[in-house]
Amino acid sequence: MKSMTCRELGGACDQTFTAETFEEMAALSRKHGMEMFQKGDAAHLEAMEKMKALMQSPGAMQEYMAQKKAAFDFLPED
């Protein structure tokens, strides 16, 4: 198991997610993001706008996700 915070994954807070794989980690982050979106959390909405901007540039989101996966892969096991 490895742990990353919302902020480390591009979000806006220090909530910690723990998962076996990066794909699981990304799913936990997305779920948290949707919860914060529904609550109207301003900091998370701002982080989502930055993600949305990344999606406008071809390949930028894939590169961003590859960087986050590399960071996950580098982490020690909990």
N, C-alpha and C. Protein backbone atom coordinates (compact mmCIF):
# COMPACT_ATOMS: atom_id res chain seq x y z
N MET A 1 0.83 -1.18 0.00
CA MET A 1 0.00 0.00 0.00
C MET A 1 0.88 1.25 0.00
N LYS A 2 0.40 2.25 -0.70
CA LYS A 2 1.09 3.53 -0.75
C LYS A 2 0.08 4.63 -0.45
N SER A 3 0.58 5.75 0.04
CA SER A 3 -0.30 6.86 0.41
C SER A 3 0.13 8.14 -0.28
N MET A 4 -0.87 8.93 -0.69
CA MET A 4 -0.65 10.26 -1.26
C MET A 4 -1.79 11.15 -0.77
N THR A 5 -1.51 12.44 -0.72
CA THR A 5 -2.55 13.37 -0.31
C THR A 5 -3.28 13.91 -1.54
N CYS A 6 -4.43 14.48 -1.27
CA CYS A 6 -5.19 15.15 -2.31
C CYS A 6 -4.30 16.19 -3.00
N ARG A 7 -3.59 16.97 -2.22
CA ARG A 7 -2.71 18.02 -2.77
C ARG A 7 -1.62 17.43 -3.66
N GLU A 8 -1.02 16.31 -3.25
CA GLU A 8 0.01 15.66 -4.06
C GLU A 8 -0.54 15.18 -5.41
N LEU A 9 -1.83 14.92 -5.43
CA LEU A 9 -2.47 14.45 -6.66
C LEU A 9 -3.07 15.59 -7.48
N GLY A 10 -2.82 16.82 -7.05
CA GLY A 10 -3.29 17.98 -7.79
C GLY A 10 -4.51 18.64 -7.18
N GLY A 11 -4.93 18.15 -6.02
CA GLY A 11 -6.11 18.70 -5.36
C GLY A 11 -5.77 19.85 -4.43
N ALA A 12 -6.64 20.04 -3.44
CA ALA A 12 -6.52 21.25 -2.63
C ALA A 12 -6.43 21.02 -1.13
N CYS A 13 -6.31 19.77 -0.69
CA CYS A 13 -6.26 19.55 0.76
C CYS A 13 -5.28 18.43 1.10
N ASP A 14 -5.20 18.16 2.38
CA ASP A 14 -4.23 17.17 2.85
C ASP A 14 -4.87 15.83 3.21
N GLN A 15 -6.09 15.58 2.70
CA GLN A 15 -6.70 14.27 2.94
C GLN A 15 -5.80 13.21 2.31
N THR A 16 -5.57 12.13 3.04
CA THR A 16 -4.68 11.07 2.57
C THR A 16 -5.48 9.91 1.99
N PHE A 17 -5.01 9.43 0.85
CA PHE A 17 -5.58 8.26 0.19
C PHE A 17 -4.54 7.15 0.23
N THR A 18 -4.97 5.92 0.43
CA THR A 18 -4.08 4.78 0.46
C THR A 18 -4.60 3.73 -0.52
N ALA A 19 -3.69 3.23 -1.38
CA ALA A 19 -4.10 2.27 -2.40
C ALA A 19 -2.93 1.39 -2.79
N GLU A 20 -3.26 0.28 -3.42
CA GLU A 20 -2.25 -0.66 -3.93
C GLU A 20 -1.67 -0.19 -5.27
N THR A 21 -2.53 0.39 -6.12
CA THR A 21 -2.10 0.79 -7.46
C THR A 21 -2.41 2.26 -7.70
N PHE A 22 -1.74 2.83 -8.69
CA PHE A 22 -2.02 4.22 -9.03
C PHE A 22 -3.45 4.38 -9.53
N GLU A 23 -3.95 3.39 -10.24
CA GLU A 23 -5.31 3.46 -10.75
C GLU A 23 -6.31 3.55 -9.60
N GLU A 24 -6.08 2.75 -8.55
CA GLU A 24 -6.95 2.82 -7.37
C GLU A 24 -6.82 4.19 -6.70
N MET A 25 -5.60 4.70 -6.64
CA MET A 25 -5.35 6.00 -6.03
C MET A 25 -6.10 7.09 -6.80
N ALA A 26 -6.02 7.04 -8.12
CA ALA A 26 -6.69 8.03 -8.97
C ALA A 26 -8.21 7.96 -8.76
N ALA A 27 -8.75 6.75 -8.62
CA ALA A 27 -10.20 6.59 -8.41
C ALA A 27 -10.62 7.20 -7.07
N LEU A 28 -9.82 6.98 -6.03
CA LEU A 28 -10.11 7.57 -4.72
C LEU A 28 -10.08 9.10 -4.81
N SER A 29 -9.11 9.62 -5.53
CA SER A 29 -8.98 11.06 -5.70
C SER A 29 -10.18 11.63 -6.45
N ARG A 30 -10.61 10.94 -7.52
CA ARG A 30 -11.78 11.40 -8.28
C ARG A 30 -13.03 11.41 -7.41
N LYS A 31 -13.21 10.35 -6.61
CA LYS A 31 -14.38 10.27 -5.73
C LYS A 31 -14.38 11.44 -4.74
N HIS A 32 -13.23 11.70 -4.15
CA HIS A 32 -13.08 12.81 -3.21
C HIS A 32 -13.37 14.13 -3.93
N GLY A 33 -12.84 14.28 -5.13
CA GLY A 33 -13.09 15.50 -5.90
C GLY A 33 -14.57 15.73 -6.17
N MET A 34 -15.28 14.67 -6.49
CA MET A 34 -16.71 14.79 -6.74
C MET A 34 -17.46 15.18 -5.46
N GLU A 35 -17.04 14.63 -4.34
CA GLU A 35 -17.66 15.00 -3.06
C GLU A 35 -17.44 16.48 -2.77
N MET A 36 -16.23 16.95 -3.00
CA MET A 36 -15.91 18.35 -2.75
C MET A 36 -16.65 19.26 -3.75
N PHE A 37 -16.79 18.81 -4.98
CA PHE A 37 -17.55 19.55 -5.99
C PHE A 37 -19.00 19.71 -5.53
N GLN A 38 -19.60 18.62 -5.06
CA GLN A 38 -20.99 18.66 -4.60
C GLN A 38 -21.16 19.58 -3.39
N LYS A 39 -20.12 19.68 -2.57
CA LYS A 39 -20.17 20.57 -1.41
C LYS A 39 -19.87 22.02 -1.80
N GLY A 40 -19.40 22.22 -3.02
CA GLY A 40 -19.06 23.57 -3.48
C GLY A 40 -17.80 24.11 -2.84
N ASP A 41 -16.87 23.23 -2.46
CA ASP A 41 -15.62 23.65 -1.82
C ASP A 41 -14.79 24.49 -2.78
N ALA A 42 -14.58 25.75 -2.44
CA ALA A 42 -13.92 26.71 -3.33
C ALA A 42 -12.51 26.28 -3.72
N ALA A 43 -11.72 25.81 -2.77
CA ALA A 43 -10.34 25.43 -3.06
C ALA A 43 -10.30 24.26 -4.05
N HIS A 44 -11.18 23.29 -3.86
CA HIS A 44 -11.21 22.14 -4.77
C HIS A 44 -11.75 22.55 -6.15
N LEU A 45 -12.71 23.45 -6.17
CA LEU A 45 -13.24 23.94 -7.45
C LEU A 45 -12.13 24.63 -8.25
N GLU A 46 -11.28 25.38 -7.56
CA GLU A 46 -10.15 26.04 -8.22
C GLU A 46 -9.18 25.00 -8.78
N ALA A 47 -8.90 23.96 -8.01
CA ALA A 47 -8.00 22.89 -8.48
C ALA A 47 -8.61 22.20 -9.70
N MET A 48 -9.93 22.03 -9.70
CA MET A 48 -10.60 21.39 -10.83
C MET A 48 -10.52 22.26 -12.08
N GLU A 49 -10.57 23.56 -11.90
CA GLU A 49 -10.42 24.47 -13.05
C GLU A 49 -9.03 24.32 -13.68
N LYS A 50 -8.02 24.13 -12.86
CA LYS A 50 -6.67 23.93 -13.38
C LYS A 50 -6.60 22.62 -14.17
N MET A 51 -7.26 21.58 -13.67
CA MET A 51 -7.30 20.30 -14.39
C MET A 51 -8.03 20.47 -15.73
N LYS A 52 -9.12 21.20 -15.67
CA LYS A 52 -9.91 21.45 -16.87
C LYS A 52 -9.06 22.16 -17.93
N ALA A 53 -8.24 23.10 -17.49
CA ALA A 53 -7.36 23.82 -18.42
C ALA A 53 -6.34 22.87 -19.03
N LEU A 54 -5.83 21.92 -18.24
CA LEU A 54 -4.88 20.93 -18.76
C LEU A 54 -5.52 20.12 -19.89
N MET A 55 -6.79 19.82 -19.73
CA MET A 55 -7.47 18.98 -20.72
C MET A 55 -7.63 19.69 -22.07
N GLN A 56 -7.46 20.99 -22.08
CA GLN A 56 -7.59 21.76 -23.32
C GLN A 56 -6.36 21.64 -24.21
N SER A 57 -5.25 21.25 -23.63
CA SER A 57 -4.00 21.15 -24.38
C SER A 57 -3.73 19.68 -24.73
N PRO A 58 -3.61 19.38 -26.02
CA PRO A 58 -3.39 17.97 -26.41
C PRO A 58 -2.18 17.36 -25.71
N GLY A 59 -2.41 16.24 -25.06
CA GLY A 59 -1.34 15.52 -24.41
C GLY A 59 -0.98 16.00 -23.02
N ALA A 60 -1.43 17.18 -22.64
CA ALA A 60 -1.04 17.74 -21.34
C ALA A 60 -1.57 16.90 -20.18
N MET A 61 -2.81 16.46 -20.28
CA MET A 61 -3.37 15.67 -19.19
C MET A 61 -2.68 14.31 -19.08
N GLN A 62 -2.36 13.70 -20.22
CA GLN A 62 -1.65 12.42 -20.19
C GLN A 62 -0.28 12.58 -19.55
N GLU A 63 0.39 13.66 -19.89
CA GLU A 63 1.71 13.93 -19.30
C GLU A 63 1.60 14.17 -17.80
N TYR A 64 0.59 14.92 -17.40
CA TYR A 64 0.35 15.20 -15.99
C TYR A 64 0.10 13.90 -15.22
N MET A 65 -0.75 13.04 -15.77
CA MET A 65 -1.06 11.78 -15.11
C MET A 65 0.17 10.87 -15.07
N ALA A 66 0.99 10.90 -16.11
CA ALA A 66 2.22 10.11 -16.12
C ALA A 66 3.17 10.58 -15.01
N GLN A 67 3.23 11.89 -14.80
CA GLN A 67 4.07 12.43 -13.72
C GLN A 67 3.56 12.00 -12.35
N LYS A 68 2.24 12.03 -12.16
CA LYS A 68 1.65 11.61 -10.89
C LYS A 68 1.86 10.12 -10.66
N LYS A 69 1.76 9.31 -11.72
CA LYS A 69 1.99 7.87 -11.61
C LYS A 69 3.45 7.61 -11.25
N ALA A 70 4.37 8.35 -11.85
CA ALA A 70 5.79 8.19 -11.54
C ALA A 70 6.05 8.53 -10.08
N ALA A 71 5.39 9.57 -9.56
CA ALA A 71 5.54 9.94 -8.16
C ALA A 71 5.00 8.82 -7.26
N PHE A 72 3.87 8.24 -7.65
CA PHE A 72 3.30 7.11 -6.91
C PHE A 72 4.26 5.94 -6.91
N ASP A 73 4.78 5.60 -8.09
CA ASP A 73 5.69 4.46 -8.23
C ASP A 73 6.93 4.63 -7.36
N PHE A 74 7.38 5.86 -7.19
CA PHE A 74 8.59 6.16 -6.43
C PHE A 74 8.38 6.05 -4.91
N LEU A 75 7.13 6.15 -4.47
CA LEU A 75 6.84 6.12 -3.04
C LEU A 75 7.19 4.77 -2.41
N PRO A 76 7.64 4.80 -1.16
CA PRO A 76 7.86 3.53 -0.44
C PRO A 76 6.52 2.94 -0.04
N GLU A 77 6.52 1.65 0.19
CA GLU A 77 5.31 1.00 0.69
C GLU A 77 5.05 1.45 2.12
N ASP A 78 3.79 1.64 2.48
CA ASP A 78 3.43 2.01 3.86
C ASP A 78 3.68 0.85 4.79
